[in-house]
Structure formats: structure tokens, C-alpha cells
Amino acid sequence: MQETGKTKGWFTFGIALIVLGGAIYALGTVLGLFVLFQQSEDLVGAPFWAVLLIPGLVGMGFLVLLAKVIVDRLNNAEDDHYSKTVDK
């Protein structure tokens, strides 16, 4: 990404805010699910952690693919070349 004068560093700051917000949201979700399943386990007496296995695998797969897309884009010299040379 090409940055100039007044906007230098805004991209990094914006991505950092998005990642921080997502991390806080994910942490809150995990803690909320922990409390929910702990209370359900106390009432029913059976472990509910197996219920989270499939959504957890899907979530981890999504995060791996998202990381791959971001790393591929940041390390792709061809995309950088076209973004700098193609007329806008």
C-alpha cells in the first residue's frame, strides 16, 4: 500500500484497531460461552465441551484462511507493481 505525507501510518493504525476490536470481541464471546456452558454443565451434569468442537474447527479454519489471504496480499510484488503503475 502506498502511503504519502498526511496519511502515513494510517493503514497500520486502522488494521491494528480492527485486529484489537476483533480480539476483544472474540475474547468476550469465548468467556461468555465458557460461563454459559459452565452453568449448563452444573444444571445438567454432563460435559458440553464436545458441542464446541465443530464450530471451533470451523472458526480456526476461517482464521487460517484469513491469515493466508492477508500474508499473500502483503507479500505479492505483482499486486504492488500494478497498484503503482496502472492508471487510476
PDB file of N, CA and C in Angstrom:
ATOM      1  N   MET A   1       0.837  -1.170   0.000  1.00  0.00           N
ATOM      2  CA  MET A   1       0.000   0.000   0.000  1.00  0.00           C
ATOM      3  C   MET A   1       0.882   1.233   0.000  1.00  0.00           C
ATOM      4  N   GLN A   2       0.577   2.171  -0.859  1.00  0.00           N
ATOM      5  CA  GLN A   2       1.378   3.371  -0.986  1.00  0.00           C
ATOM      6  C   GLN A   2       0.845   4.429  -0.027  1.00  0.00           C
ATOM      7  N   GLU A   3       1.734   4.957   0.816  1.00  0.00           N
ATOM      8  CA  GLU A   3       1.335   5.967   1.785  1.00  0.00           C
ATOM      9  C   GLU A   3       2.104   7.245   1.506  1.00  0.00           C
ATOM     10  N   THR A   4       1.409   8.368   1.665  1.00  0.00           N
ATOM     11  CA  THR A   4       2.049   9.652   1.426  1.00  0.00           C
ATOM     12  C   THR A   4       1.821  10.567   2.619  1.00  0.00           C
ATOM     13  N   GLY A   5       2.615  11.575   2.728  1.00  0.00           N
ATOM     14  CA  GLY A   5       2.568  12.657   3.707  1.00  0.00           C
ATOM     15  C   GLY A   5       1.618  12.527   4.883  1.00  0.00           C
ATOM     16  N   LYS A   6       0.426  13.089   4.731  1.00  0.00           N
ATOM     17  CA  LYS A   6      -0.513  13.205   5.846  1.00  0.00           C
ATOM     18  C   LYS A   6      -1.089  11.872   6.300  1.00  0.00           C
ATOM     19  N   THR A   7      -1.171  10.894   5.426  1.00  0.00           N
ATOM     20  CA  THR A   7      -1.807   9.622   5.793  1.00  0.00           C
ATOM     21  C   THR A   7      -0.801   8.531   6.129  1.00  0.00           C
ATOM     22  N   LYS A   8       0.456   8.876   6.276  1.00  0.00           N
ATOM     23  CA  LYS A   8       1.482   7.867   6.562  1.00  0.00           C
ATOM     24  C   LYS A   8       1.180   7.211   7.912  1.00  0.00           C
ATOM     25  N   GLY A   9       1.059   5.897   7.910  1.00  0.00           N
ATOM     26  CA  GLY A   9       0.802   5.151   9.135  1.00  0.00           C
ATOM     27  C   GLY A   9      -0.662   4.904   9.442  1.00  0.00           C
ATOM     28  N   TRP A  10      -1.572   5.522   8.704  1.00  0.00           N
ATOM     29  CA  TRP A  10      -2.992   5.337   8.968  1.00  0.00           C
ATOM     30  C   TRP A  10      -3.441   3.912   8.684  1.00  0.00           C
ATOM     31  N   PHE A  11      -2.891   3.319   7.628  1.00  0.00           N
ATOM     32  CA  PHE A  11      -3.259   1.944   7.285  1.00  0.00           C
ATOM     33  C   PHE A  11      -2.910   0.997   8.432  1.00  0.00           C
ATOM     34  N   THR A  12      -1.689   1.115   8.942  1.00  0.00           N
ATOM     35  CA  THR A  12      -1.255   0.252  10.046  1.00  0.00           C
ATOM     36  C   THR A  12      -2.108   0.493  11.282  1.00  0.00           C
ATOM     37  N   PHE A  13      -2.384   1.751  11.581  1.00  0.00           N
ATOM     38  CA  PHE A  13      -3.208   2.072  12.746  1.00  0.00           C
ATOM     39  C   PHE A  13      -4.626   1.522  12.581  1.00  0.00           C
ATOM     40  N   GLY A  14      -5.194   1.665  11.380  1.00  0.00           N
ATOM     41  CA  GLY A  14      -6.542   1.143  11.125  1.00  0.00           C
ATOM     42  C   GLY A  14      -6.609  -0.367  11.253  1.00  0.00           C
ATOM     43  N   ILE A  15      -5.617  -1.068  10.690  1.00  0.00           N
ATOM     44  CA  ILE A  15      -5.581  -2.535  10.809  1.00  0.00           C
ATOM     45  C   ILE A  15      -5.409  -2.941  12.268  1.00  0.00           C
ATOM     46  N   ALA A  16      -4.571  -2.210  13.003  1.00  0.00           N
ATOM     47  CA  ALA A  16      -4.367  -2.522  14.425  1.00  0.00           C
ATOM     48  C   ALA A  16      -5.665  -2.364  15.205  1.00  0.00           C
ATOM     49  N   LEU A  17      -6.445  -1.326  14.920  1.00  0.00           N
ATOM     50  CA  LEU A  17      -7.726  -1.140  15.597  1.00  0.00           C
ATOM     51  C   LEU A  17      -8.710  -2.262  15.270  1.00  0.00           C
ATOM     52  N   ILE A  18      -8.737  -2.668  14.000  1.00  0.00           N
ATOM     53  CA  ILE A  18      -9.630  -3.753  13.600  1.00  0.00           C
ATOM     54  C   ILE A  18      -9.244  -5.059  14.292  1.00  0.00           C
ATOM     55  N   VAL A  19      -7.949  -5.361  14.325  1.00  0.00           N
ATOM     56  CA  VAL A  19      -7.478  -6.588  14.968  1.00  0.00           C
ATOM     57  C   VAL A  19      -7.751  -6.539  16.470  1.00  0.00           C
ATOM     58  N   LEU A  20      -7.494  -5.402  17.101  1.00  0.00           N
ATOM     59  CA  LEU A  20      -7.746  -5.261  18.534  1.00  0.00           C
ATOM     60  C   LEU A  20      -9.229  -5.432  18.855  1.00  0.00           C
ATOM     61  N   GLY A  21     -10.082  -4.782  18.069  1.00  0.00           N
ATOM     62  CA  GLY A  21     -11.525  -4.922  18.271  1.00  0.00           C
ATOM     63  C   GLY A  21     -11.991  -6.356  18.082  1.00  0.00           C
ATOM     64  N   GLY A  22     -11.473  -7.019  17.054  1.00  0.00           N
ATOM     65  CA  GLY A  22     -11.830  -8.421  16.824  1.00  0.00           C
ATOM     66  C   GLY A  22     -11.356  -9.325  17.950  1.00  0.00           C
ATOM     67  N   ALA A  23     -10.155  -9.052  18.468  1.00  0.00           N
ATOM     68  CA  ALA A  23      -9.625  -9.866  19.563  1.00  0.00           C
ATOM     69  C   ALA A  23     -10.456  -9.689  20.832  1.00  0.00           C
ATOM     70  N   ILE A  24     -10.838  -8.451  21.134  1.00  0.00           N
ATOM     71  CA  ILE A  24     -11.668  -8.202  22.317  1.00  0.00           C
ATOM     72  C   ILE A  24     -13.034  -8.861  22.152  1.00  0.00           C
ATOM     73  N   TYR A  25     -13.610  -8.751  20.972  1.00  0.00           N
ATOM     74  CA  TYR A  25     -14.907  -9.368  20.703  1.00  0.00           C
ATOM     75  C   TYR A  25     -14.823 -10.894  20.832  1.00  0.00           C
ATOM     76  N   ALA A  26     -13.767 -11.491  20.256  1.00  0.00           N
ATOM     77  CA  ALA A  26     -13.594 -12.941  20.336  1.00  0.00           C
ATOM     78  C   ALA A  26     -13.382 -13.384  21.779  1.00  0.00           C
ATOM     79  N   LEU A  27     -12.597 -12.629  22.536  1.00  0.00           N
ATOM     80  CA  LEU A  27     -12.371 -12.973  23.937  1.00  0.00           C
ATOM     81  C   LEU A  27     -13.671 -12.916  24.734  1.00  0.00           C
ATOM     82  N   GLY A  28     -14.463 -11.871  24.496  1.00  0.00           N
ATOM     83  CA  GLY A  28     -15.761 -11.774  25.168  1.00  0.00           C
ATOM     84  C   GLY A  28     -16.684 -12.923  24.801  1.00  0.00           C
ATOM     85  N   THR A  29     -16.673 -13.310  23.539  1.00  0.00           N
ATOM     86  CA  THR A  29     -17.503 -14.422  23.094  1.00  0.00           C
ATOM     87  C   THR A  29     -17.074 -15.724  23.760  1.00  0.00           C
ATOM     88  N   VAL A  30     -15.767 -15.971  23.794  1.00  0.00           N
ATOM     89  CA  VAL A  30     -15.263 -17.200  24.410  1.00  0.00           C
ATOM     90  C   VAL A  30     -15.577 -17.223  25.905  1.00  0.00           C
ATOM     91  N   LEU A  31     -15.365 -16.102  26.583  1.00  0.00           N
ATOM     92  CA  LEU A  31     -15.672 -16.060  28.014  1.00  0.00           C
ATOM     93  C   LEU A  31     -17.170 -16.215  28.266  1.00  0.00           C
ATOM     94  N   GLY A  32     -18.001 -15.605  27.414  1.00  0.00           N
ATOM     95  CA  GLY A  32     -19.447 -15.765  27.546  1.00  0.00           C
ATOM     96  C   GLY A  32     -19.879 -17.213  27.333  1.00  0.00           C
ATOM     97  N   LEU A  33     -19.300 -17.865  26.335  1.00  0.00           N
ATOM     98  CA  LEU A  33     -19.610 -19.281  26.101  1.00  0.00           C
ATOM     99  C   LEU A  33     -19.130 -20.140  27.264  1.00  0.00           C
ATOM    100  N   PHE A  34     -17.976 -19.791  27.829  1.00  0.00           N
ATOM    101  CA  PHE A  34     -17.460 -20.538  28.971  1.00  0.00           C
ATOM    102  C   PHE A  34     -18.445 -20.467  30.126  1.00  0.00           C
ATOM    103  N   VAL A  35     -18.936 -19.273  30.430  1.00  0.00           N
ATOM    104  CA  VAL A  35     -19.898 -19.118  31.524  1.00  0.00           C
ATOM    105  C   VAL A  35     -21.194 -19.866  31.209  1.00  0.00           C
ATOM    106  N   LEU A  36     -21.682 -19.749  29.990  1.00  0.00           N
ATOM    107  CA  LEU A  36     -22.911 -20.430  29.584  1.00  0.00           C
ATOM    108  C   LEU A  36     -22.802 -21.942  29.732  1.00  0.00           C
ATOM    109  N   PHE A  37     -21.709 -22.514  29.233  1.00  0.00           N
ATOM    110  CA  PHE A  37     -21.558 -23.963  29.306  1.00  0.00           C
ATOM    111  C   PHE A  37     -21.254 -24.430  30.718  1.00  0.00           C
ATOM    112  N   GLN A  38     -20.598 -23.607  31.505  1.00  0.00           N
ATOM    113  CA  GLN A  38     -20.344 -23.964  32.901  1.00  0.00           C
ATOM    114  C   GLN A  38     -21.663 -24.050  33.660  1.00  0.00           C
ATOM    115  N   GLN A  39     -22.541 -23.090  33.444  1.00  0.00           N
ATOM    116  CA  GLN A  39     -23.844 -23.117  34.107  1.00  0.00           C
ATOM    117  C   GLN A  39     -24.689 -24.288  33.605  1.00  0.00           C
ATOM    118  N   SER A  40     -24.643 -24.567  32.310  1.00  0.00           N
ATOM    119  CA  SER A  40     -25.394 -25.696  31.765  1.00  0.00           C
ATOM    120  C   SER A  40     -24.867 -27.017  32.316  1.00  0.00           C
ATOM    121  N   GLU A  41     -23.566 -27.105  32.457  1.00  0.00           N
ATOM    122  CA  GLU A  41     -22.955 -28.320  32.993  1.00  0.00           C
ATOM    123  C   GLU A  41     -23.366 -28.532  34.451  1.00  0.00           C
ATOM    124  N   ASP A  42     -23.455 -27.446  35.199  1.00  0.00           N
ATOM    125  CA  ASP A  42     -23.879 -27.549  36.592  1.00  0.00           C
ATOM    126  C   ASP A  42     -25.333 -28.006  36.701  1.00  0.00           C
ATOM    127  N   LEU A  43     -26.180 -27.540  35.783  1.00  0.00           N
ATOM    128  CA  LEU A  43     -27.599 -27.907  35.835  1.00  0.00           C
ATOM    129  C   LEU A  43     -27.840 -29.326  35.347  1.00  0.00           C
ATOM    130  N   VAL A  44     -27.198 -29.701  34.255  1.00  0.00           N
ATOM    131  CA  VAL A  44     -27.459 -30.995  33.635  1.00  0.00           C
ATOM    132  C   VAL A  44     -26.514 -32.066  34.158  1.00  0.00           C
ATOM    133  N   GLY A  45     -25.281 -31.720  34.415  1.00  0.00           N
ATOM    134  CA  GLY A  45     -24.306 -32.666  34.923  1.00  0.00           C
ATOM    135  C   GLY A  45     -23.495 -33.368  33.852  1.00  0.00           C
ATOM    136  N   ALA A  46     -23.655 -32.990  32.602  1.00  0.00           N
ATOM    137  CA  ALA A  46     -22.907 -33.626  31.518  1.00  0.00           C
ATOM    138  C   ALA A  46     -21.962 -32.597  30.888  1.00  0.00           C
ATOM    139  N   PRO A  47     -20.816 -33.044  30.386  1.00  0.00           N
ATOM    140  CA  PRO A  47     -19.893 -32.091  29.739  1.00  0.00           C
ATOM    141  C   PRO A  47     -20.410 -31.649  28.373  1.00  0.00           C
ATOM    142  N   PHE A  48     -20.426 -30.368  28.155  1.00  0.00           N
ATOM    143  CA  PHE A  48     -20.907 -29.804  26.895  1.00  0.00           C
ATOM    144  C   PHE A  48     -19.771 -29.343  25.999  1.00  0.00           C
ATOM    145  N   TRP A  49     -18.532 -29.573  26.407  1.00  0.00           N
ATOM    146  CA  TRP A  49     -17.410 -29.055  25.629  1.00  0.00           C
ATOM    147  C   TRP A  49     -17.312 -29.688  24.244  1.00  0.00           C
ATOM    148  N   ALA A  50     -17.820 -30.883  24.074  1.00  0.00           N
ATOM    149  CA  ALA A  50     -17.779 -31.535  22.766  1.00  0.00           C
ATOM    150  C   ALA A  50     -18.632 -30.785  21.742  1.00  0.00           C
ATOM    151  N   VAL A  51     -19.643 -30.045  22.221  1.00  0.00           N
ATOM    152  CA  VAL A  51     -20.515 -29.287  21.326  1.00  0.00           C
ATOM    153  C   VAL A  51     -19.727 -28.185  20.618  1.00  0.00           C
ATOM    154  N   LEU A  52     -18.683 -27.669  21.260  1.00  0.00           N
ATOM    155  CA  LEU A  52     -17.890 -26.586  20.679  1.00  0.00           C
ATOM    156  C   LEU A  52     -16.835 -27.069  19.700  1.00  0.00           C
ATOM    157  N   LEU A  53     -16.652 -28.372  19.576  1.00  0.00           N
ATOM    158  CA  LEU A  53     -15.584 -28.896  18.729  1.00  0.00           C
ATOM    159  C   LEU A  53     -15.759 -28.504  17.258  1.00  0.00           C
ATOM    160  N   ILE A  54     -16.921 -28.746  16.685  1.00  0.00           N
ATOM    161  CA  ILE A  54     -17.133 -28.463  15.263  1.00  0.00           C
ATOM    162  C   ILE A  54     -17.098 -26.958  14.980  1.00  0.00           C
ATOM    163  N   PRO A  55     -17.827 -26.106  15.712  1.00  0.00           N
ATOM    164  CA  PRO A  55     -17.698 -24.668  15.443  1.00  0.00           C
ATOM    165  C   PRO A  55     -16.283 -24.149  15.692  1.00  0.00           C
ATOM    166  N   GLY A  56     -15.591 -24.732  16.635  1.00  0.00           N
ATOM    167  CA  GLY A  56     -14.213 -24.321  16.893  1.00  0.00           C
ATOM    168  C   GLY A  56     -13.300 -24.651  15.727  1.00  0.00           C
ATOM    169  N   LEU A  57     -13.481 -25.819  15.137  1.00  0.00           N
ATOM    170  CA  LEU A  57     -12.690 -26.194  13.967  1.00  0.00           C
ATOM    171  C   LEU A  57     -12.989 -25.281  12.777  1.00  0.00           C
ATOM    172  N   VAL A  58     -14.264 -24.953  12.587  1.00  0.00           N
ATOM    173  CA  VAL A  58     -14.649 -24.055  11.501  1.00  0.00           C
ATOM    174  C   VAL A  58     -14.048 -22.670  11.724  1.00  0.00           C
ATOM    175  N   GLY A  59     -14.118 -22.175  12.944  1.00  0.00           N
ATOM    176  CA  GLY A  59     -13.546 -20.873  13.259  1.00  0.00           C
ATOM    177  C   GLY A  59     -12.042 -20.834  13.057  1.00  0.00           C
ATOM    178  N   MET A  60     -11.354 -21.884  13.465  1.00  0.00           N
ATOM    179  CA  MET A  60      -9.906 -21.937  13.279  1.00  0.00           C
ATOM    180  C   MET A  60      -9.559 -22.006  11.786  1.00  0.00           C
ATOM    181  N   GLY A  61     -10.336 -22.757  11.016  1.00  0.00           N
ATOM    182  CA  GLY A  61     -10.111 -22.819   9.578  1.00  0.00           C
ATOM    183  C   GLY A  61     -10.301 -21.463   8.922  1.00  0.00           C
ATOM    184  N   PHE A  62     -11.332 -20.744   9.345  1.00  0.00           N
ATOM    185  CA  PHE A  62     -11.564 -19.397   8.825  1.00  0.00           C
ATOM    186  C   PHE A  62     -10.388 -18.476   9.146  1.00  0.00           C
ATOM    187  N   LEU A  63      -9.891 -18.525  10.374  1.00  0.00           N
ATOM    188  CA  LEU A  63      -8.768 -17.676  10.765  1.00  0.00           C
ATOM    189  C   LEU A  63      -7.499 -18.015   9.980  1.00  0.00           C
ATOM    190  N   VAL A  64      -7.267 -19.300   9.732  1.00  0.00           N
ATOM    191  CA  VAL A  64      -6.092 -19.703   8.945  1.00  0.00           C
ATOM    192  C   VAL A  64      -6.195 -19.163   7.523  1.00  0.00           C
ATOM    193  N   LEU A  65      -7.378 -19.288   6.907  1.00  0.00           N
ATOM    194  CA  LEU A  65      -7.552 -18.785   5.544  1.00  0.00           C
ATOM    195  C   LEU A  65      -7.464 -17.261   5.486  1.00  0.00           C
ATOM    196  N   LEU A  66      -7.999 -16.574   6.476  1.00  0.00           N
ATOM    197  CA  LEU A  66      -7.900 -15.124   6.536  1.00  0.00           C
ATOM    198  C   LEU A  66      -6.443 -14.682   6.663  1.00  0.00           C
ATOM    199  N   ALA A  67      -5.686 -15.353   7.514  1.00  0.00           N
ATOM    200  CA  ALA A  67      -4.263 -15.041   7.660  1.00  0.00           C
ATOM    201  C   ALA A  67      -3.520 -15.297   6.349  1.00  0.00           C
ATOM    202  N   LYS A  68      -3.878 -16.379   5.650  1.00  0.00           N
ATOM    203  CA  LYS A  68      -3.231 -16.690   4.361  1.00  0.00           C
ATOM    204  C   LYS A  68      -3.485 -15.591   3.344  1.00  0.00           C
ATOM    205  N   VAL A  69      -4.719 -15.111   3.265  1.00  0.00           N
ATOM    206  CA  VAL A  69      -5.063 -14.058   2.308  1.00  0.00           C
ATOM    207  C   VAL A  69      -4.284 -12.783   2.627  1.00  0.00           C
ATOM    208  N   ILE A  70      -4.215 -12.413   3.891  1.00  0.00           N
ATOM    209  CA  ILE A  70      -3.505 -11.191   4.273  1.00  0.00           C
ATOM    210  C   ILE A  70      -2.020 -11.309   3.984  1.00  0.00           C
ATOM    211  N   VAL A  71      -1.411 -12.425   4.344  1.00  0.00           N
ATOM    212  CA  VAL A  71       0.026 -12.614   4.103  1.00  0.00           C
ATOM    213  C   VAL A  71       0.319 -12.670   2.609  1.00  0.00           C
ATOM    214  N   ASP A  72      -0.518 -13.361   1.837  1.00  0.00           N
ATOM    215  CA  ASP A  72      -0.316 -13.422   0.388  1.00  0.00           C
ATOM    216  C   ASP A  72      -0.399 -12.034  -0.240  1.00  0.00           C
ATOM    217  N   ARG A  73      -1.354 -11.238   0.197  1.00  0.00           N
ATOM    218  CA  ARG A  73      -1.508  -9.890  -0.374  1.00  0.00           C
ATOM    219  C   ARG A  73      -0.324  -9.011   0.004  1.00  0.00           C
ATOM    220  N   LEU A  74       0.117  -9.053   1.233  1.00  0.00           N
ATOM    221  CA  LEU A  74       1.220  -8.204   1.673  1.00  0.00           C
ATOM    222  C   LEU A  74       2.547  -8.595   1.032  1.00  0.00           C
ATOM    223  N   ASN A  75       2.702  -9.848   0.648  1.00  0.00           N
ATOM    224  CA  ASN A  75       3.962 -10.322   0.082  1.00  0.00           C
ATOM    225  C   ASN A  75       3.941 -10.466  -1.435  1.00  0.00           C
ATOM    226  N   ASN A  76       2.905  -9.971  -2.105  1.00  0.00           N
ATOM    227  CA  ASN A  76       2.774 -10.145  -3.543  1.00  0.00           C
ATOM    228  C   ASN A  76       3.326  -8.918  -4.275  1.00  0.00           C
ATOM    229  N   ALA A  77       4.496  -9.086  -4.871  1.00  0.00           N
ATOM    230  CA  ALA A  77       5.142  -7.984  -5.590  1.00  0.00           C
ATOM    231  C   ALA A  77       4.365  -7.596  -6.836  1.00  0.00           C
ATOM    232  N   GLU A  78       3.697  -8.544  -7.481  1.00  0.00           N
ATOM    233  CA  GLU A  78       2.936  -8.244  -8.692  1.00  0.00           C
ATOM    234  C   GLU A  78       1.782  -7.290  -8.385  1.00  0.00           C
ATOM    235  N   ASP A  79       1.061  -7.518  -7.286  1.00  0.00           N
ATOM    236  CA  ASP A  79      -0.018  -6.612  -6.889  1.00  0.00           C
ATOM    237  C   ASP A  79       0.520  -5.220  -6.592  1.00  0.00           C
ATOM    238  N   ASP A  80       1.661  -5.154  -5.937  1.00  0.00           N
ATOM    239  CA  ASP A  80       2.269  -3.857  -5.640  1.00  0.00           C
ATOM    240  C   ASP A  80       2.639  -3.132  -6.928  1.00  0.00           C
ATOM    241  N   HIS A  81       3.177  -3.870  -7.889  1.00  0.00           N
ATOM    242  CA  HIS A  81       3.549  -3.274  -9.179  1.00  0.00           C
ATOM    243  C   HIS A  81       2.322  -2.690  -9.887  1.00  0.00           C
ATOM    244  N   TYR A  82       1.240  -3.462  -9.956  1.00  0.00           N
ATOM    245  CA  TYR A  82       0.053  -2.993 -10.654  1.00  0.00           C
ATOM    246  C   TYR A  82      -0.605  -1.818  -9.923  1.00  0.00           C
ATOM    247  N   SER A  83      -0.585  -1.823  -8.601  1.00  0.00           N
ATOM    248  CA  SER A  83      -1.197  -0.725  -7.865  1.00  0.00           C
ATOM    249  C   SER A  83      -0.421   0.568  -8.052  1.00  0.00           C
ATOM    250  N   LYS A  84       0.858   0.481  -8.364  1.00  0.00           N
ATOM    251  CA  LYS A  84       1.678   1.673  -8.562  1.00  0.00           C
ATOM    252  C   LYS A  84       1.658   2.155 -10.020  1.00  0.00           C
ATOM    253  N   THR A  85       1.496   1.233 -10.986  1.00  0.00           N
ATOM    254  CA  THR A  85       1.664   1.616 -12.389  1.00  0.00           C
ATOM    255  C   THR A  85       0.378   1.735 -13.186  1.00  0.00           C
ATOM    256  N   VAL A  86      -0.705   1.125 -12.763  1.00  0.00           N
ATOM    257  CA  VAL A  86      -1.944   1.195 -13.533  1.00  0.00           C
ATOM    258  C   VAL A  86      -2.576   2.571 -13.345  1.00  0.00           C
ATOM    259  N   ASP A  87      -3.044   3.168 -14.459  1.00  0.00           N
ATOM    260  CA  ASP A  87      -3.693   4.485 -14.395  1.00  0.00           C
ATOM    261  C   ASP A  87      -4.965   4.389 -13.595  1.00  0.00           C
ATOM    262  N   LYS A  88      -5.175   5.412 -12.800  1.00  0.00           N
ATOM    263  CA  LYS A  88      -6.387   5.425 -11.950  1.00  0.00           C
ATOM    264  C   LYS A  88      -7.352   6.462 -12.447  1.00  0.00           C
TER     265      LYS A  88
END
